[in-house]
Amino acid sequence: MISKTLELIFTTAGGGRLRLSVPDPRLDLTAEQVSAAMSTIAAKNIFTSGTGGIAGILSARIVTRETTDLISVS
């Protein structure tokens, strides 16, 4: 099984990182769309972590993961 996740990575006020994961992102996303969404998330200041609220945008990436089940008990 192959799955994709959009990871949005922000810096926090205390010098840490905050990662938001979005499963099954649209395949036609552009860097501009993701950047705009991240800017909105940062401006709304609705997420926080142990190292504080979002201070800036660090990066975004789509992670592809392939999982192969060897044993499955039903």
N, C-alpha and C. Protein backbone atom coordinates (compact mmCIF):
# COMPACT_ATOMS: atom_id res chain seq x y z
N MET A 1 0.84 -1.17 0.00
CA MET A 1 0.00 0.00 0.00
C MET A 1 0.89 1.24 0.00
N ILE A 2 0.59 2.19 -0.85
CA ILE A 2 1.34 3.44 -0.92
C ILE A 2 0.46 4.57 -0.40
N SER A 3 1.03 5.37 0.50
CA SER A 3 0.29 6.51 1.04
C SER A 3 1.14 7.77 0.89
N LYS A 4 0.47 8.91 0.78
CA LYS A 4 1.15 10.19 0.67
C LYS A 4 0.66 11.10 1.78
N THR A 5 1.57 11.91 2.32
CA THR A 5 1.25 12.86 3.37
C THR A 5 1.94 14.18 3.06
N LEU A 6 1.20 15.27 3.18
CA LEU A 6 1.78 16.60 3.06
C LEU A 6 2.24 17.03 4.44
N GLU A 7 3.51 17.33 4.60
CA GLU A 7 4.05 17.79 5.88
C GLU A 7 4.35 19.27 5.78
N LEU A 8 3.76 20.05 6.70
CA LEU A 8 3.99 21.48 6.79
C LEU A 8 4.83 21.71 8.04
N ILE A 9 6.00 22.29 7.88
CA ILE A 9 6.92 22.44 9.01
C ILE A 9 7.16 23.92 9.27
N PHE A 10 6.89 24.31 10.51
CA PHE A 10 7.01 25.70 10.93
C PHE A 10 8.08 25.83 12.02
N THR A 11 8.64 27.02 12.17
CA THR A 11 9.48 27.31 13.33
C THR A 11 8.56 27.88 14.41
N THR A 12 8.98 27.72 15.67
CA THR A 12 8.18 28.24 16.78
C THR A 12 8.92 29.38 17.48
N ALA A 13 8.18 30.10 18.29
CA ALA A 13 8.73 31.25 19.01
C ALA A 13 9.90 30.87 19.90
N GLY A 14 9.90 29.65 20.42
CA GLY A 14 10.96 29.21 21.32
C GLY A 14 12.12 28.53 20.61
N GLY A 15 12.15 28.58 19.28
CA GLY A 15 13.25 27.99 18.54
C GLY A 15 13.05 26.54 18.15
N GLY A 16 11.87 26.01 18.37
CA GLY A 16 11.58 24.62 18.00
C GLY A 16 10.93 24.52 16.63
N ARG A 17 10.40 23.35 16.36
CA ARG A 17 9.69 23.10 15.11
C ARG A 17 8.32 22.52 15.42
N LEU A 18 7.35 22.89 14.60
CA LEU A 18 6.00 22.35 14.70
C LEU A 18 5.66 21.76 13.34
N ARG A 19 5.24 20.50 13.32
CA ARG A 19 4.93 19.81 12.07
C ARG A 19 3.45 19.46 12.02
N LEU A 20 2.79 19.86 10.94
CA LEU A 20 1.41 19.48 10.70
C LEU A 20 1.40 18.51 9.52
N SER A 21 0.69 17.40 9.66
CA SER A 21 0.62 16.40 8.60
C SER A 21 -0.80 16.31 8.06
N VAL A 22 -0.90 16.34 6.73
CA VAL A 22 -2.19 16.27 6.05
C VAL A 22 -2.17 15.01 5.17
N PRO A 23 -3.01 14.02 5.50
CA PRO A 23 -3.01 12.79 4.70
C PRO A 23 -3.67 13.00 3.34
N ASP A 24 -3.22 12.25 2.36
CA ASP A 24 -3.79 12.22 1.02
C ASP A 24 -3.97 13.61 0.40
N PRO A 25 -2.88 14.37 0.25
CA PRO A 25 -3.00 15.70 -0.36
C PRO A 25 -3.34 15.60 -1.84
N ARG A 26 -3.90 16.66 -2.36
CA ARG A 26 -4.15 16.72 -3.82
C ARG A 26 -2.81 16.61 -4.53
N LEU A 27 -2.79 15.90 -5.63
CA LEU A 27 -1.54 15.68 -6.36
C LEU A 27 -1.13 16.89 -7.18
N ASP A 28 -2.06 17.83 -7.42
CA ASP A 28 -1.75 18.99 -8.25
C ASP A 28 -1.43 20.25 -7.43
N LEU A 29 -1.10 20.09 -6.16
CA LEU A 29 -0.75 21.24 -5.33
C LEU A 29 0.50 21.92 -5.88
N THR A 30 0.52 23.26 -5.81
CA THR A 30 1.70 24.01 -6.22
C THR A 30 2.38 24.57 -4.98
N ALA A 31 3.63 24.94 -5.14
CA ALA A 31 4.37 25.55 -4.04
C ALA A 31 3.69 26.84 -3.59
N GLU A 32 3.13 27.59 -4.52
CA GLU A 32 2.46 28.84 -4.19
C GLU A 32 1.21 28.59 -3.33
N GLN A 33 0.46 27.56 -3.66
CA GLN A 33 -0.75 27.24 -2.88
C GLN A 33 -0.38 26.81 -1.46
N VAL A 34 0.64 25.99 -1.35
CA VAL A 34 1.07 25.51 -0.04
C VAL A 34 1.62 26.66 0.79
N SER A 35 2.40 27.53 0.16
CA SER A 35 2.96 28.68 0.86
C SER A 35 1.85 29.61 1.36
N ALA A 36 0.85 29.85 0.54
CA ALA A 36 -0.28 30.69 0.95
C ALA A 36 -1.03 30.08 2.12
N ALA A 37 -1.25 28.77 2.07
CA ALA A 37 -1.94 28.08 3.17
C ALA A 37 -1.13 28.16 4.45
N MET A 38 0.18 27.96 4.34
CA MET A 38 1.04 28.02 5.52
C MET A 38 1.06 29.44 6.11
N SER A 39 1.06 30.45 5.25
CA SER A 39 1.02 31.83 5.73
C SER A 39 -0.27 32.11 6.49
N THR A 40 -1.39 31.59 5.99
CA THR A 40 -2.67 31.75 6.66
C THR A 40 -2.67 31.05 8.01
N ILE A 41 -2.15 29.83 8.05
CA ILE A 41 -2.08 29.08 9.31
C ILE A 41 -1.23 29.85 10.33
N ALA A 42 -0.10 30.38 9.89
CA ALA A 42 0.78 31.13 10.80
C ALA A 42 0.11 32.41 11.28
N ALA A 43 -0.59 33.10 10.39
CA ALA A 43 -1.24 34.36 10.75
C ALA A 43 -2.38 34.16 11.73
N LYS A 44 -3.10 33.05 11.62
CA LYS A 44 -4.24 32.76 12.51
C LYS A 44 -3.79 32.40 13.92
N ASN A 45 -2.53 31.93 14.05
CA ASN A 45 -1.94 31.62 15.36
C ASN A 45 -2.83 30.68 16.19
N ILE A 46 -3.32 29.61 15.58
CA ILE A 46 -4.22 28.70 16.29
C ILE A 46 -3.51 27.43 16.80
N PHE A 47 -2.27 27.22 16.37
CA PHE A 47 -1.53 26.05 16.82
C PHE A 47 -0.38 26.48 17.71
N THR A 48 -0.08 25.67 18.69
CA THR A 48 1.04 25.94 19.58
C THR A 48 1.72 24.62 19.92
N SER A 49 2.91 24.73 20.46
CA SER A 49 3.65 23.53 20.86
C SER A 49 4.34 23.83 22.18
N GLY A 50 5.10 22.89 22.66
CA GLY A 50 5.84 23.08 23.90
C GLY A 50 6.86 24.21 23.80
N THR A 51 7.24 24.58 22.59
CA THR A 51 8.20 25.67 22.40
C THR A 51 7.53 26.93 21.86
N GLY A 52 6.22 27.02 22.03
CA GLY A 52 5.50 28.25 21.66
C GLY A 52 4.73 28.15 20.36
N GLY A 53 4.16 29.28 19.99
CA GLY A 53 3.36 29.37 18.77
C GLY A 53 4.22 29.45 17.53
N ILE A 54 3.57 29.44 16.39
CA ILE A 54 4.28 29.49 15.11
C ILE A 54 4.92 30.86 14.92
N ALA A 55 6.21 30.85 14.59
CA ALA A 55 6.95 32.09 14.35
C ALA A 55 7.27 32.28 12.88
N GLY A 56 7.32 31.19 12.11
CA GLY A 56 7.66 31.30 10.70
C GLY A 56 7.49 29.99 9.97
N ILE A 57 7.66 30.08 8.67
CA ILE A 57 7.54 28.91 7.80
C ILE A 57 8.94 28.35 7.54
N LEU A 58 9.10 27.06 7.72
CA LEU A 58 10.40 26.43 7.49
C LEU A 58 10.41 25.67 6.16
N SER A 59 9.47 24.73 5.99
CA SER A 59 9.46 23.95 4.75
C SER A 59 8.14 23.19 4.62
N ALA A 60 7.96 22.62 3.44
CA ALA A 60 6.81 21.75 3.17
C ALA A 60 7.29 20.66 2.22
N ARG A 61 6.72 19.48 2.40
CA ARG A 61 7.10 18.37 1.54
C ARG A 61 5.98 17.34 1.49
N ILE A 62 6.00 16.58 0.41
CA ILE A 62 5.08 15.44 0.30
C ILE A 62 5.92 14.19 0.54
N VAL A 63 5.50 13.40 1.52
CA VAL A 63 6.20 12.17 1.88
C VAL A 63 5.40 11.00 1.34
N THR A 64 6.06 10.13 0.60
CA THR A 64 5.44 8.92 0.07
C THR A 64 5.96 7.74 0.86
N ARG A 65 5.03 6.91 1.30
CA ARG A 65 5.40 5.75 2.12
C ARG A 65 4.78 4.50 1.52
N GLU A 66 5.59 3.47 1.38
CA GLU A 66 5.09 2.19 0.89
C GLU A 66 5.15 1.18 2.03
N THR A 67 4.02 0.55 2.30
CA THR A 67 3.91 -0.43 3.36
C THR A 67 3.56 -1.78 2.76
N THR A 68 4.30 -2.81 3.16
CA THR A 68 4.02 -4.17 2.70
C THR A 68 3.72 -5.02 3.93
N ASP A 69 2.50 -5.54 4.01
CA ASP A 69 2.13 -6.42 5.11
C ASP A 69 2.71 -7.81 4.88
N LEU A 70 3.36 -8.34 5.90
CA LEU A 70 3.91 -9.68 5.81
C LEU A 70 2.96 -10.69 6.45
N ILE A 71 2.34 -10.29 7.56
CA ILE A 71 1.38 -11.14 8.22
C ILE A 71 0.20 -10.26 8.61
N SER A 72 -0.99 -10.74 8.35
CA SER A 72 -2.19 -10.01 8.71
C SER A 72 -3.17 -10.97 9.37
N VAL A 73 -3.47 -10.72 10.62
CA VAL A 73 -4.40 -11.56 11.36
C VAL A 73 -5.75 -10.88 11.39
N SER A 74 -6.76 -11.57 10.95
CA SER A 74 -8.11 -10.98 10.92
C SER A 74 -8.90 -11.36 12.13
